[in-house]
C-alpha atoms as a PDB file:
ATOM      1  CA  MET A   1     133.690 148.802 114.634  1.00  0.00           C
ATOM      2  CA  ASN A   2     134.088 150.386 111.201  1.00  0.00           C
ATOM      3  CA  THR A   3     131.275 151.129 108.746  1.00  0.00           C
ATOM      4  CA  SER A   4     132.002 148.066 106.593  1.00  0.00           C
ATOM      5  CA  ALA A   5     131.872 145.747 109.606  1.00  0.00           C
ATOM      6  CA  LEU A   6     128.604 147.317 110.768  1.00  0.00           C
ATOM      7  CA  HIS A   7     127.111 146.833 107.303  1.00  0.00           C
ATOM      8  CA  THR A   8     128.225 143.202 107.205  1.00  0.00           C
ATOM      9  CA  SER A   9     126.812 142.588 110.679  1.00  0.00           C
ATOM     10  CA  ALA A  10     123.483 144.161 109.691  1.00  0.00           C
ATOM     11  CA  LEU A  11     123.260 141.966 106.580  1.00  0.00           C
ATOM     12  CA  HIS A  12     124.032 138.865 108.645  1.00  0.00           C
ATOM     13  CA  THR A  13     121.365 139.784 111.215  1.00  0.00           C
ATOM     14  CA  SER A  14     118.851 140.438 108.452  1.00  0.00           C
ATOM     15  CA  ALA A  15     119.618 137.055 106.874  1.00  0.00           C
ATOM     16  CA  LEU A  16     119.046 135.325 110.225  1.00  0.00           C
ATOM     17  CA  HIS A  17     115.619 136.956 110.488  1.00  0.00           C
ATOM     18  CA  THR A  18     114.531 136.186 106.919  1.00  0.00           C
ATOM     19  CA  ARG A  19     115.883 132.657 106.666  1.00  0.00           C
ATOM     20  CA  PRO A  20     112.950 130.940 108.469  1.00  0.00           C
ATOM     21  CA  TRP A  21     110.505 132.612 106.076  1.00  0.00           C
ATOM     22  CA  SER A  22     112.619 131.501 103.156  1.00  0.00           C
ATOM     23  CA  ARG A  23     112.622 127.934 104.447  1.00  0.00           C
ATOM     24  CA  ARG A  24     108.845 128.017 104.901  1.00  0.00           C
ATOM     25  CA  LEU A  25     108.359 129.309 101.363  1.00  0.00           C
ATOM     26  CA  ARG A  26     110.637 126.641  99.932  1.00  0.00           C
ATOM     27  CA  GLY A  27     108.793 124.068 102.015  1.00  0.00           C
ATOM     28  CA  LEU A  28     105.477 125.171 100.512  1.00  0.00           C
ATOM     29  CA  LEU A  29     106.860 124.927  96.993  1.00  0.00           C
ATOM     30  CA  ASP A  30     108.519 121.562  97.682  1.00  0.00           C
ATOM     31  CA  ALA A  31     105.420 120.023  99.283  1.00  0.00           C
ATOM     32  CA  PRO A  32     103.375 119.021  96.172  1.00  0.00           C
ATOM     33  CA  ALA A  33     106.153 116.713  94.952  1.00  0.00           C
ATOM     34  CA  HIS A  34     105.464 114.516  98.013  1.00  0.00           C
ATOM     35  CA  TRP A  35     101.665 114.386  97.705  1.00  0.00           C
ATOM     36  CA  GLN A  36     101.291 110.822  96.462  1.00  0.00           C
ATOM     37  CA  PHE A  37      97.478 111.071  96.377  1.00  0.00           C
ATOM     38  CA  LEU A  38      97.939 113.195  93.241  1.00  0.00           C
ATOM     39  CA  ASP A  39      99.168 110.104  91.405  1.00  0.00           C
ATOM     40  CA  THR A  40      95.546 108.880  91.227  1.00  0.00           C
ATOM     41  CA  PRO A  41      94.302 111.679  88.943  1.00  0.00           C
ATOM     42  CA  ALA A  42      97.703 112.144  87.294  1.00  0.00           C
ATOM     43  CA  GLU A  43      97.785 108.697  85.679  1.00  0.00           C
ATOM     44  CA  PRO A  44      94.533 108.933  83.645  1.00  0.00           C
ATOM     45  CA  LEU A  45      95.255 112.574  82.807  1.00  0.00           C
ATOM     46  CA  SER A  46      98.678 111.631  81.512  1.00  0.00           C
ATOM     47  CA  ASP A  47      97.200 108.821  79.420  1.00  0.00           C
ATOM     48  CA  ALA A  48      94.620 111.226  77.989  1.00  0.00           C
ATOM     49  CA  VAL A  49      97.296 113.760  77.000  1.00  0.00           C
ATOM     50  CA  GLU A  50      99.419 111.026  75.416  1.00  0.00           C
ATOM     51  CA  ALA A  51      96.362 109.822  73.452  1.00  0.00           C
ATOM     52  CA  LEU A  52      95.748 113.228  71.841  1.00  0.00           C
ATOM     53  CA  PRO A  53      96.142 112.896  68.032  1.00  0.00           C
ATOM     54  CA  LEU A  54      98.793 115.600  67.770  1.00  0.00           C
ATOM     55  CA  GLY A  55     101.095 113.825  65.300  1.00  0.00           C
ATOM     56  CA  PRO A  56     104.166 115.934  64.453  1.00  0.00           C
ATOM     57  CA  TYR A  57     102.716 118.869  66.395  1.00  0.00           C
ATOM     58  CA  ARG A  58     103.592 117.090  69.640  1.00  0.00           C
ATOM     59  CA  ASP A  59     107.311 117.643  69.007  1.00  0.00           C
ATOM     60  CA  ALA A  60     106.577 121.233  68.008  1.00  0.00           C
ATOM     61  CA  LEU A  61     104.756 121.769  71.312  1.00  0.00           C
ATOM     62  CA  HIS A  62     107.675 120.244  73.198  1.00  0.00           C
ATOM     63  CA  GLY A  63     109.918 122.843  71.530  1.00  0.00           C
ATOM     64  CA  VAL A  64     112.185 120.441  69.638  1.00  0.00           C
ATOM     65  CA  TRP A  65     112.463 123.004  66.815  1.00  0.00           C
ATOM     66  CA  LEU A  66     113.404 125.715  69.331  1.00  0.00           C
ATOM     67  CA  GLY A  67     116.063 123.799  71.251  1.00  0.00           C
ATOM     68  CA  HIS A  68     114.360 124.288  74.610  1.00  0.00           C
ATOM     69  CA  PRO A  69     110.807 123.797  75.989  1.00  0.00           C
ATOM     70  CA  LEU A  70     108.188 125.985  74.321  1.00  0.00           C
ATOM     71  CA  HIS A  71     105.794 126.248  77.286  1.00  0.00           C
ATOM     72  CA  PRO A  72     107.817 128.805  79.336  1.00  0.00           C
ATOM     73  CA  ALA A  73     107.957 131.116  76.325  1.00  0.00           C
ATOM     74  CA  LEU A  74     104.223 130.853  75.591  1.00  0.00           C
ATOM     75  CA  VAL A  75     103.131 131.597  79.166  1.00  0.00           C
ATOM     76  CA  GLN A  76     104.642 135.074  78.885  1.00  0.00           C
ATOM     77  CA  LEU A  77     101.747 136.075  76.617  1.00  0.00           C
ATOM     78  CA  PRO A  78      98.795 135.556  79.000  1.00  0.00           C
ATOM     79  CA  LEU A  79     100.819 136.628  82.038  1.00  0.00           C
ATOM     80  CA  GLY A  80     101.906 139.814  80.299  1.00  0.00           C
ATOM     81  CA  CYS A  81      98.366 140.588  79.139  1.00  0.00           C
ATOM     82  CA  TRP A  82      96.822 140.021  82.554  1.00  0.00           C
ATOM     83  CA  THR A  83      99.489 141.949  84.464  1.00  0.00           C
ATOM     84  CA  SER A  84      99.044 144.899  82.109  1.00  0.00           C
ATOM     85  CA  ALA A  85      95.262 144.658  82.436  1.00  0.00           C
ATOM     86  CA  GLY A  86      95.601 144.822  86.224  1.00  0.00           C
ATOM     87  CA  LEU A  87      97.556 148.059  85.938  1.00  0.00           C
ATOM     88  CA  LEU A  88      95.219 149.612  83.358  1.00  0.00           C
ATOM     89  CA  ASP A  89      92.176 148.792  85.481  1.00  0.00           C
ATOM     90  CA  PHE A  90      93.299 151.507  87.876  1.00  0.00           C
ATOM     91  CA  ALA A  91      94.600 153.989  85.291  1.00  0.00           C
ATOM     92  CA  PRO A  92      92.312 156.820  84.117  1.00  0.00           C
ATOM     93  CA  GLY A  93      90.741 155.891  80.795  1.00  0.00           C
ATOM     94  CA  GLY A  94      92.315 152.440  80.754  1.00  0.00           C
ATOM     95  CA  GLU A  95      89.144 150.366  81.135  1.00  0.00           C
ATOM     96  CA  ARG A  96      88.632 149.390  77.492  1.00  0.00           C
ATOM     97  CA  SER A  97      92.299 148.526  77.009  1.00  0.00           C
ATOM     98  CA  ALA A  98      92.176 146.409  80.178  1.00  0.00           C
ATOM     99  CA  ASP A  99      89.150 144.532  78.848  1.00  0.00           C
ATOM    100  CA  THR A 100      90.968 143.834  75.571  1.00  0.00           C
ATOM    101  CA  LEU A 101      94.019 142.536  77.410  1.00  0.00           C
ATOM    102  CA  VAL A 102      91.933 140.232  79.610  1.00  0.00           C
ATOM    103  CA  ALA A 103      90.406 138.741  76.453  1.00  0.00           C
ATOM    104  CA  ALA A 104      93.807 138.464  74.765  1.00  0.00           C
ATOM    105  CA  GLY A 105      95.175 136.659  77.829  1.00  0.00           C
ATOM    106  CA  LEU A 106      92.363 134.121  77.649  1.00  0.00           C
ATOM    107  CA  LEU A 107      93.008 133.518  73.940  1.00  0.00           C
ATOM    108  CA  THR A 108      96.741 132.947  74.418  1.00  0.00           C
ATOM    109  CA  ALA A 109      96.331 130.803  77.545  1.00  0.00           C
ATOM    110  CA  GLY A 110      95.086 127.844  75.467  1.00  0.00           C
ATOM    111  CA  PRO A 111      98.244 127.199  73.418  1.00  0.00           C
ATOM    112  CA  ALA A 112     100.421 127.774  76.496  1.00  0.00           C
ATOM    113  CA  ALA A 113      98.397 125.254  78.488  1.00  0.00           C
ATOM    114  CA  LEU A 114      98.500 122.657  75.696  1.00  0.00           C
ATOM    115  CA  ALA A 115     102.297 122.896  75.453  1.00  0.00           C
ATOM    116  CA  GLY A 116     102.512 122.574  79.224  1.00  0.00           C
ATOM    117  CA  TRP A 117     100.309 119.466  79.345  1.00  0.00           C
ATOM    118  CA  VAL A 118     102.337 117.791  76.591  1.00  0.00           C
ATOM    119  CA  ASP A 119     105.548 118.353  78.571  1.00  0.00           C
ATOM    120  CA  TRP A 120     103.891 117.333  81.850  1.00  0.00           C
ATOM    121  CA  ALA A 121     102.760 113.952  80.512  1.00  0.00           C
ATOM    122  CA  ARG A 122     106.411 112.875  80.047  1.00  0.00           C
ATOM    123  CA  LEU A 123     107.598 113.744  83.572  1.00  0.00           C
ATOM    124  CA  ASP A 124     108.273 111.363  86.443  1.00  0.00           C
ATOM    125  CA  PRO A 125     105.762 111.124  89.354  1.00  0.00           C
ATOM    126  CA  PRO A 126     107.242 113.730  91.770  1.00  0.00           C
ATOM    127  CA  ARG A 127     107.464 116.361  89.040  1.00  0.00           C
ATOM    128  CA  LYS A 128     104.031 115.404  87.737  1.00  0.00           C
ATOM    129  CA  ARG A 129     102.563 116.107  91.186  1.00  0.00           C
ATOM    130  CA  THR A 130     104.040 119.592  91.304  1.00  0.00           C
ATOM    131  CA  GLY A 131     103.011 120.164  87.696  1.00  0.00           C
ATOM    132  CA  LEU A 132      99.440 119.166  88.497  1.00  0.00           C
ATOM    133  CA  VAL A 133      99.183 121.752  91.290  1.00  0.00           C
ATOM    134  CA  HIS A 134     100.780 124.306  88.946  1.00  0.00           C
ATOM    135  CA  ALA A 135      98.112 123.513  86.331  1.00  0.00           C
ATOM    136  CA  LEU A 136      95.316 123.692  88.919  1.00  0.00           C
ATOM    137  CA  ALA A 137      96.416 127.176  90.004  1.00  0.00           C
ATOM    138  CA  ASN A 138      96.568 128.354  86.401  1.00  0.00           C
ATOM    139  CA  THR A 139      93.194 126.785  85.529  1.00  0.00           C
ATOM    140  CA  THR A 140      91.686 128.580  88.510  1.00  0.00           C
ATOM    141  CA  GLY A 141      93.172 131.809  87.200  1.00  0.00           C
ATOM    142  CA  VAL A 142      91.761 131.229  83.723  1.00  0.00           C
ATOM    143  CA  LEU A 143      88.276 130.609  85.141  1.00  0.00           C
ATOM    144  CA  LEU A 144      88.488 133.751  87.258  1.00  0.00           C
ATOM    145  CA  TYR A 145      89.540 135.799  84.242  1.00  0.00           C
ATOM    146  CA  ALA A 146      86.703 134.315  82.195  1.00  0.00           C
ATOM    147  CA  GLY A 147      84.341 135.461  84.947  1.00  0.00           C
ATOM    148  CA  SER A 148      86.047 138.845  84.949  1.00  0.00           C
ATOM    149  CA  LEU A 149      85.522 139.252  81.208  1.00  0.00           C
ATOM    150  CA  LEU A 150      81.883 138.245  81.544  1.00  0.00           C
ATOM    151  CA  ALA A 151      81.330 140.771  84.358  1.00  0.00           C
ATOM    152  CA  ARG A 152      83.003 143.504  82.329  1.00  0.00           C
ATOM    153  CA  SER A 153      80.824 142.780  79.302  1.00  0.00           C
ATOM    154  CA  ARG A 154      77.747 143.171  81.499  1.00  0.00           C
ATOM    155  CA  GLY A 155      78.882 146.510  82.878  1.00  0.00           C
ATOM    156  CA  ARG A 156      79.827 145.194  86.326  1.00  0.00           C
ATOM    157  CA  ARG A 157      83.262 146.762  86.239  1.00  0.00           C
ATOM    158  CA  ALA A 158      84.010 146.619  89.973  1.00  0.00           C
ATOM    159  CA  GLY A 159      83.254 142.901  90.021  1.00  0.00           C
ATOM    160  CA  GLY A 160      85.339 142.443  86.880  1.00  0.00           C
ATOM    161  CA  ARG A 161      88.289 144.160  88.532  1.00  0.00           C
ATOM    162  CA  LEU A 162      88.025 142.028  91.661  1.00  0.00           C
ATOM    163  CA  LEU A 163      87.806 138.813  89.669  1.00  0.00           C
ATOM    164  CA  GLY A 164      90.783 139.963  87.613  1.00  0.00           C
ATOM    165  CA  LEU A 165      92.858 140.576  90.733  1.00  0.00           C
ATOM    166  CA  ALA A 166      91.874 137.152  92.074  1.00  0.00           C
ATOM    167  CA  GLY A 167      92.847 135.623  88.732  1.00  0.00           C
ATOM    168  CA  LEU A 168      96.199 137.423  88.780  1.00  0.00           C
ATOM    169  CA  THR A 169      96.844 136.062  92.273  1.00  0.00           C
ATOM    170  CA  ALA A 170      96.078 132.514  91.128  1.00  0.00           C
ATOM    171  CA  VAL A 171      98.276 132.640  88.022  1.00  0.00           C
ATOM    172  CA  SER A 172     101.080 134.263  90.042  1.00  0.00           C
ATOM    173  CA  ALA A 173     100.977 131.302  92.418  1.00  0.00           C
ATOM    174  CA  GLY A 174     101.004 129.026  89.390  1.00  0.00           C
ATOM    175  CA  ALA A 175     103.987 130.906  87.975  1.00  0.00           C
ATOM    176  CA  ALA A 176     105.884 130.471  91.258  1.00  0.00           C
ATOM    177  CA  LEU A 177     105.259 126.724  91.126  1.00  0.00           C
ATOM    178  CA  GLY A 178     106.224 126.670  87.454  1.00  0.00           C
ATOM    179  CA  GLY A 179     109.520 128.358  88.232  1.00  0.00           C
ATOM    180  CA  HIS A 180     110.112 125.898  91.070  1.00  0.00           C
ATOM    181  CA  LEU A 181     109.336 122.991  88.754  1.00  0.00           C
ATOM    182  CA  THR A 182     111.737 124.295  86.122  1.00  0.00           C
ATOM    183  CA  TYR A 183     114.670 125.467  88.208  1.00  0.00           C
ATOM    184  CA  ARG A 184     114.502 123.621  91.550  1.00  0.00           C
ATOM    185  CA  LEU A 185     113.131 120.320  90.240  1.00  0.00           C
ATOM    186  CA  ALA A 186     114.897 120.759  86.883  1.00  0.00           C
ATOM    187  CA  ALA A 187     111.989 119.631  84.703  1.00  0.00           C
ATOM    188  CA  GLY A 188     113.140 121.565  81.629  1.00  0.00           C
ATOM    189  CA  PRO A 189     116.912 122.195  81.574  1.00  0.00           C
ATOM    190  CA  ASP A 190     119.343 120.300  79.360  1.00  0.00           C
ATOM    191  CA  ARG A 191     120.693 117.532  81.616  1.00  0.00           C
ATOM    192  CA  ALA A 192     123.682 117.018  79.321  1.00  0.00           C
ATOM    193  CA  ALA A 193     124.852 120.641  79.368  1.00  0.00           C
ATOM    194  CA  ALA A 194     127.766 119.862  81.705  1.00  0.00           C
ATOM    195  CA  VAL A 195     129.245 117.149  79.448  1.00  0.00           C
ATOM    196  CA  PRO A 196     131.852 119.446  77.798  1.00  0.00           C
ATOM    197  CA  ARG A 197     133.197 120.351  81.253  1.00  0.00           C
ATOM    198  CA  LEU A 198     133.265 116.740  82.498  1.00  0.00           C
ATOM    199  CA  ALA A 199     134.668 115.036  79.410  1.00  0.00           C
ATOM    200  CA  PRO A 200     138.391 114.241  79.153  1.00  0.00           C
ATOM    201  CA  THR A 201     140.463 116.762  77.251  1.00  0.00           C
ATOM    202  CA  ASP A 202     142.302 114.154  75.181  1.00  0.00           C
ATOM    203  CA  TRP A 203     141.663 110.827  73.477  1.00  0.00           C
ATOM    204  CA  VAL A 204     140.412 108.101  75.838  1.00  0.00           C
ATOM    205  CA  GLY A 205     140.237 104.389  75.066  1.00  0.00           C
ATOM    206  CA  LEU A 206     136.934 102.550  75.448  1.00  0.00           C
ATOM    207  CA  GLY A 207     138.127  99.052  74.548  1.00  0.00           C
ATOM    208  CA  PRO A 208     138.422  96.754  71.528  1.00  0.00           C
ATOM    209  CA  VAL A 209     135.933  97.415  68.755  1.00  0.00           C
ATOM    210  CA  ASP A 210     134.966  93.735  68.833  1.00  0.00           C
ATOM    211  CA  ASP A 211     133.574  94.248  72.352  1.00  0.00           C
ATOM    212  CA  PHE A 212     130.691  96.280  70.886  1.00  0.00           C
ATOM    213  CA  PRO A 213     127.963  94.113  69.292  1.00  0.00           C
ATOM    214  CA  PRO A 214     126.445  95.754  66.171  1.00  0.00           C
ATOM    215  CA  GLY A 215     123.227  97.680  66.866  1.00  0.00           C
ATOM    216  CA  GLN A 216     123.384  97.193  70.631  1.00  0.00           C
ATOM    217  CA  PRO A 217     123.989 100.168  72.991  1.00  0.00           C
ATOM    218  CA  VAL A 218     126.887  99.533  75.360  1.00  0.00           C
ATOM    219  CA  ARG A 219     127.814 101.662  78.370  1.00  0.00           C
ATOM    220  CA  ARG A 220     131.442 102.698  78.878  1.00  0.00           C
ATOM    221  CA  THR A 221     133.297 105.318  80.915  1.00  0.00           C
ATOM    222  CA  ALA A 222     135.448 108.067  79.440  1.00  0.00           C
ATOM    223  CA  GLY A 223     137.302 109.503  82.410  1.00  0.00           C
ATOM    224  CA  GLU A 224     134.534 110.297  84.902  1.00  0.00           C
ATOM    225  CA  LEU A 225     131.847 110.543  82.227  1.00  0.00           C
ATOM    226  CA  SER A 226     129.490 107.743  81.204  1.00  0.00           C
ATOM    227  CA  VAL A 227     129.082 107.289  77.455  1.00  0.00           C
ATOM    228  CA  VAL A 228     127.065 104.947  75.265  1.00  0.00           C
ATOM    229  CA  VAL A 229     128.607 103.205  72.244  1.00  0.00           C
ATOM    230  CA  VAL A 230     126.523 102.012  69.299  1.00  0.00           C
ATOM    231  CA  ARG A 231     128.313 100.132  66.531  1.00  0.00           C
ATOM    232  CA  THR A 232     126.724 100.254  63.083  1.00  0.00           C
ATOM    233  CA  GLY A 233     128.680  98.341  60.470  1.00  0.00           C
ATOM    234  CA  GLU A 234     132.279  99.533  60.548  1.00  0.00           C
ATOM    235  CA  ARG A 235     131.472 102.715  62.438  1.00  0.00           C
ATOM    236  CA  CYS A 236     131.060 103.316  66.168  1.00  0.00           C
ATOM    237  CA  HIS A 237     128.867 106.164  67.397  1.00  0.00           C
ATOM    238  CA  VAL A 238     129.518 107.478  70.910  1.00  0.00           C
ATOM    239  CA  LEU A 239     127.123 109.766  72.776  1.00  0.00           C
ATOM    240  CA  ALA A 240     126.824 110.982  76.365  1.00  0.00           C
ATOM    241  CA  GLU A 241     125.038 108.186  78.193  1.00  0.00           C
ATOM    242  CA  ARG A 242     122.536 110.158  80.266  1.00  0.00           C
ATOM    243  CA  CYS A 243     119.553 111.540  78.333  1.00  0.00           C
ATOM    244  CA  ALA A 244     119.380 115.327  78.093  1.00  0.00           C
ATOM    245  CA  HIS A 245     115.681 115.218  79.060  1.00  0.00           C
ATOM    246  CA  LEU A 246     115.629 113.616  82.525  1.00  0.00           C
ATOM    247  CA  SER A 247     118.916 111.678  82.631  1.00  0.00           C
ATOM    248  CA  GLY A 248     117.513 108.365  81.417  1.00  0.00           C
ATOM    249  CA  PRO A 249     120.121 105.623  80.755  1.00  0.00           C
ATOM    250  CA  LEU A 250     120.564 105.575  76.983  1.00  0.00           C
ATOM    251  CA  SER A 251     122.654 102.403  77.243  1.00  0.00           C
ATOM    252  CA  GLU A 252     119.379 100.646  78.103  1.00  0.00           C
ATOM    253  CA  GLY A 253     117.628 102.171  75.102  1.00  0.00           C
ATOM    254  CA  THR A 254     116.995 100.844  71.603  1.00  0.00           C
ATOM    255  CA  VAL A 255     118.345 101.700  68.179  1.00  0.00           C
ATOM    256  CA  VAL A 256     115.616 102.680  65.697  1.00  0.00           C
ATOM    257  CA  ASP A 257     116.278 103.900  62.134  1.00  0.00           C
ATOM    258  CA  GLY A 258     119.687 105.356  62.913  1.00  0.00           C
ATOM    259  CA  CYS A 259     118.510 106.889  66.187  1.00  0.00           C
ATOM    260  CA  LEU A 260     118.915 105.987  69.845  1.00  0.00           C
ATOM    261  CA  ARG A 261     115.662 105.942  71.829  1.00  0.00           C
ATOM    262  CA  CYS A 262     115.660 106.674  75.566  1.00  0.00           C
ATOM    263  CA  PRO A 263     113.981 103.898  77.582  1.00  0.00           C
ATOM    264  CA  TRP A 264     112.343 106.302  80.038  1.00  0.00           C
ATOM    265  CA  HIS A 265     110.317 108.803  78.009  1.00  0.00           C
ATOM    266  CA  GLY A 266     110.991 107.909  74.377  1.00  0.00           C
ATOM    267  CA  SER A 267     113.240 110.779  73.316  1.00  0.00           C
ATOM    268  CA  GLU A 268     115.160 109.884  70.146  1.00  0.00           C
ATOM    269  CA  TYR A 269     118.602 111.142  69.159  1.00  0.00           C
ATOM    270  CA  ARG A 270     120.252 110.751  65.763  1.00  0.00           C
ATOM    271  CA  LEU A 271     123.389 108.657  66.189  1.00  0.00           C
ATOM    272  CA  ARG A 272     125.575 110.582  63.771  1.00  0.00           C
ATOM    273  CA  ASP A 273     125.131 114.035  65.334  1.00  0.00           C
ATOM    274  CA  GLY A 274     122.962 113.709  68.468  1.00  0.00           C
ATOM    275  CA  GLU A 275     120.145 115.858  67.077  1.00  0.00           C
ATOM    276  CA  VAL A 276     116.688 115.291  68.555  1.00  0.00           C
ATOM    277  CA  THR A 277     114.350 113.542  66.123  1.00  0.00           C
ATOM    278  CA  HIS A 278     111.511 113.049  68.646  1.00  0.00           C
ATOM    279  CA  GLY A 279     110.813 114.694  71.998  1.00  0.00           C
ATOM    280  CA  PRO A 280     110.191 115.258  74.809  1.00  0.00           C
ATOM    281  CA  ALA A 281     113.916 116.123  74.785  1.00  0.00           C
ATOM    282  CA  THR A 282     114.667 119.439  73.107  1.00  0.00           C
ATOM    283  CA  ALA A 283     118.461 119.744  73.443  1.00  0.00           C
ATOM    284  CA  PRO A 284     120.800 117.641  71.297  1.00  0.00           C
ATOM    285  CA  GLN A 285     122.752 114.854  72.950  1.00  0.00           C
ATOM    286  CA  PRO A 286     126.539 115.452  73.031  1.00  0.00           C
ATOM    287  CA  VAL A 287     128.381 113.303  70.476  1.00  0.00           C
ATOM    288  CA  PHE A 288     132.028 112.289  70.688  1.00  0.00           C
ATOM    289  CA  GLU A 289     134.618 112.145  67.953  1.00  0.00           C
ATOM    290  CA  THR A 290     135.908 108.592  67.436  1.00  0.00           C
ATOM    291  CA  ARG A 291     138.940 106.839  66.019  1.00  0.00           C
ATOM    292  CA  VAL A 292     140.179 103.249  65.941  1.00  0.00           C
ATOM    293  CA  LEU A 293     143.840 102.474  66.653  1.00  0.00           C
ATOM    294  CA  SER A 294     145.063  98.871  66.548  1.00  0.00           C
ATOM    295  CA  GLY A 295     141.488  97.648  66.816  1.00  0.00           C
ATOM    296  CA  HIS A 296     140.712  99.762  69.896  1.00  0.00           C
ATOM    297  CA  LEU A 297     138.058 102.508  70.010  1.00  0.00           C
ATOM    298  CA  GLU A 298     139.097 105.929  71.307  1.00  0.00           C
ATOM    299  CA  VAL A 299     136.935 109.012  71.796  1.00  0.00           C
ATOM    300  CA  ARG A 300     137.107 112.717  72.575  1.00  0.00           C
ATOM    301  CA  LEU A 301     134.786 115.676  72.300  1.00  0.00           C
ATOM    302  CA  PRO A 302     134.997 117.423  68.891  1.00  0.00           C
ATOM    303  CA  GLU A 303     135.951 120.674  70.649  1.00  0.00           C
ATOM    304  CA  ALA A 304     139.006 119.088  72.264  1.00  0.00           C
ATOM    305  CA  GLY A 305     142.024 119.584  70.066  1.00  0.00           C
END
């Protein structure tokens, strides 16, 4: 057996040994989504978050202005501070800097948590369950770091270090669940990102213009892609039918002030260009170019042609 074959065989054997651990880890991360008992506290918590008088700041916390959720960006601040503090705690002369970083992490944790709660309140039940465990782990970490800062201020440095390490463990577990929620359960990605690859490459007919009642969303199919048609006066607006937030059916939504509102979580998209006017969606909804030939509506993506 040559060297390459031996290397391949060794990798295969290693994968066989590690796979059960990988499955167990994934099972642990998947588990909270199935814990239906979490729905009991989740419902009043969600109502409380939705009742916060945030006004236009709610969309800012969602990250509408940024084009993607704000929470993952904000959490880098406390995590970075606390990780650095953990390293400085064991570096000669790093005690005071570590104390400052622990305090800075606590200060920046608040805005990150608020953005996270605002996003969480607009999720569906399985994702809310995982998000609740994620928040519990992070809250535990914050409390441990608050205790660490208090111990440090009273000169109990060993206790402060231990509480800091415990806090770092808790927020690391929370970060793992947050990553799982984002990437495995897809709580944050743009659900309409694949539309340009799925849309037909040329003009496709959707039917006679008269088949589309003014101001009423109508579902049609362009090739293999579902689209929603909204006729306003003499013009027809055509958008991808599945909401970029969590794939809600926009054809079942409502038209409000030149925007299409998702029936699931209330995201609003401007009909003329698909831009988000209200979250929780952060990515624009793909809009199709339209033309009318012999009374029939045809569409294509603006990039085609």
